[in-house]
């Protein structure tokens, strides 16, 4: 089963209008040709389910991956992981879920991903 995800604010795959969002690299304001061509060849969507995620869910999931698993990913990776968590909540026991994390977090140090995280937060008191 293929589950696609996209920003709640820009659900172009879901047939909704584009809106501004903080998930950089996702749904700029068009559906890429590779997806359009696959849909044309398939006669419709190439996914089984759409699981949209919010900016806040994406940022929270990215931070969770960094804190709990040591995986430093960007907001889009957090979005993929947030969608995977939603899928996992509904999946039958024993299901295997693969979430692809499309980026590293280092290029997002000056974005909303690290908003409110101050220098020196790794100092133990």
Protein backbone atom coordinates (compact mmCIF):
# COMPACT_ATOMS: atom_id res chain seq x y z
CA UNK A 1 0.00 0.00 0.00
CA UNK A 2 1.35 3.43 -0.93
CA UNK A 3 0.46 6.38 1.29
CA UNK A 4 1.32 9.83 -0.01
CA UNK A 5 1.52 12.90 2.16
CA UNK A 6 1.43 16.61 1.52
CA UNK A 7 0.88 19.78 3.55
CA UNK A 8 -2.66 20.34 4.84
CA UNK A 9 -2.32 23.89 3.55
CA UNK A 10 -1.39 22.79 0.02
CA UNK A 11 -3.22 19.58 -0.85
CA UNK A 12 -2.68 19.67 -4.61
CA UNK A 13 -2.71 15.87 -4.87
CA UNK A 14 -5.99 15.96 -2.96
CA UNK A 15 -7.42 18.42 -5.50
CA UNK A 16 -7.43 21.41 -3.18
CA UNK A 17 -5.92 24.84 -3.86
CA UNK A 18 -2.35 25.65 -2.94
CA UNK A 19 -1.72 27.66 0.22
CA UNK A 20 1.42 28.86 1.96
CA UNK A 21 3.07 26.38 4.34
CA UNK A 22 6.39 25.88 6.16
CA UNK A 23 7.31 22.45 4.77
CA UNK A 24 10.12 23.52 2.47
CA UNK A 25 10.56 21.48 -0.67
CA UNK A 26 7.03 20.07 -0.60
CA UNK A 27 4.30 21.18 -2.97
CA UNK A 28 5.86 24.41 -4.17
CA UNK A 29 2.69 25.31 -6.10
CA UNK A 30 2.53 22.60 -8.75
CA UNK A 31 2.39 18.83 -9.13
CA UNK A 32 5.72 17.62 -10.61
CA UNK A 33 5.68 16.14 -14.12
CA UNK A 34 6.91 12.78 -12.81
CA UNK A 35 3.72 12.49 -10.72
CA UNK A 36 1.50 13.79 -13.54
CA UNK A 37 3.02 11.29 -15.99
CA UNK A 38 2.64 8.40 -13.53
CA UNK A 39 -1.00 9.35 -12.91
CA UNK A 40 -1.63 9.53 -16.65
CA UNK A 41 -0.04 6.11 -17.22
CA UNK A 42 -1.90 4.65 -14.23
CA UNK A 43 -5.24 6.19 -15.17
CA UNK A 44 -5.44 7.94 -11.80
CA UNK A 45 -3.54 8.29 -8.54
CA UNK A 46 -0.44 6.16 -7.99
CA UNK A 47 -1.09 6.11 -4.24
CA UNK A 48 -3.71 4.26 -2.23
CA UNK A 49 -4.24 6.89 0.44
CA UNK A 50 -3.39 10.53 1.13
CA UNK A 51 -2.36 11.49 4.67
CA UNK A 52 -1.90 15.28 4.87
CA UNK A 53 0.14 16.79 7.71
CA UNK A 54 0.26 20.24 9.27
CA UNK A 55 3.32 22.45 9.66
CA UNK A 56 3.19 21.92 13.42
CA UNK A 57 3.00 18.12 13.11
CA UNK A 58 5.95 18.15 10.72
CA UNK A 59 8.12 20.33 12.94
CA UNK A 60 7.21 18.35 16.06
CA UNK A 61 7.98 15.02 14.37
CA UNK A 62 11.34 16.31 13.09
CA UNK A 63 12.30 17.46 16.57
CA UNK A 64 11.13 14.14 18.03
CA UNK A 65 13.33 12.21 15.60
CA UNK A 66 16.33 14.34 16.60
CA UNK A 67 15.72 14.06 20.37
CA UNK A 68 14.68 10.40 20.60
CA UNK A 69 16.48 8.72 17.70
CA UNK A 70 19.38 11.04 16.83
CA UNK A 71 18.04 11.45 13.29
CA UNK A 72 18.56 15.01 12.08
CA UNK A 73 16.05 15.66 9.31
CA UNK A 74 14.35 18.70 7.88
CA UNK A 75 10.72 19.74 8.15
CA UNK A 76 9.80 17.60 5.14
CA UNK A 77 11.37 14.55 6.79
CA UNK A 78 9.36 15.36 9.89
CA UNK A 79 6.27 15.57 7.70
CA UNK A 80 6.97 12.14 6.23
CA UNK A 81 7.48 10.73 9.72
CA UNK A 82 4.33 12.44 11.06
CA UNK A 83 2.32 10.85 8.24
CA UNK A 84 3.91 7.46 8.98
CA UNK A 85 2.90 7.80 12.65
CA UNK A 86 -0.71 8.47 11.56
CA UNK A 87 -0.61 5.41 9.30
CA UNK A 88 0.85 3.31 12.14
CA UNK A 89 -2.02 4.29 14.44
CA UNK A 90 -4.49 2.72 11.98
CA UNK A 91 -2.37 -0.21 10.77
CA UNK A 92 -2.97 -3.80 11.84
CA UNK A 93 -0.57 -5.23 14.40
CA UNK A 94 2.65 -6.48 12.82
CA UNK A 95 2.48 -4.10 9.86
CA UNK A 96 5.74 -2.87 8.36
CA UNK A 97 5.83 0.85 7.55
CA UNK A 98 8.57 2.55 5.57
CA UNK A 99 8.93 6.32 5.71
CA UNK A 100 11.49 7.97 3.48
CA UNK A 101 13.13 11.04 5.03
CA UNK A 102 14.04 13.27 2.08
CA UNK A 103 16.54 15.65 3.68
CA UNK A 104 18.92 16.44 6.49
CA UNK A 105 18.20 19.14 9.06
CA UNK A 106 21.39 21.15 8.78
CA UNK A 107 20.11 23.52 6.09
CA UNK A 108 17.11 24.46 8.26
CA UNK A 109 18.95 25.92 11.26
CA UNK A 110 17.53 29.40 10.61
CA UNK A 111 13.94 28.26 9.95
CA UNK A 112 10.84 27.49 12.00
CA UNK A 113 12.31 24.06 12.73
CA UNK A 114 14.68 25.58 15.28
CA UNK A 115 12.55 28.52 16.34
CA UNK A 116 12.65 28.87 20.12
CA UNK A 117 15.72 26.65 20.53
CA UNK A 118 18.49 28.80 21.97
CA UNK A 119 22.25 28.43 21.86
CA UNK A 120 23.52 26.50 24.84
CA UNK A 121 20.48 24.25 25.18
CA UNK A 122 22.79 21.27 25.42
CA UNK A 123 24.33 22.57 28.65
CA UNK A 124 23.42 20.32 31.57
CA UNK A 125 22.70 22.20 34.75
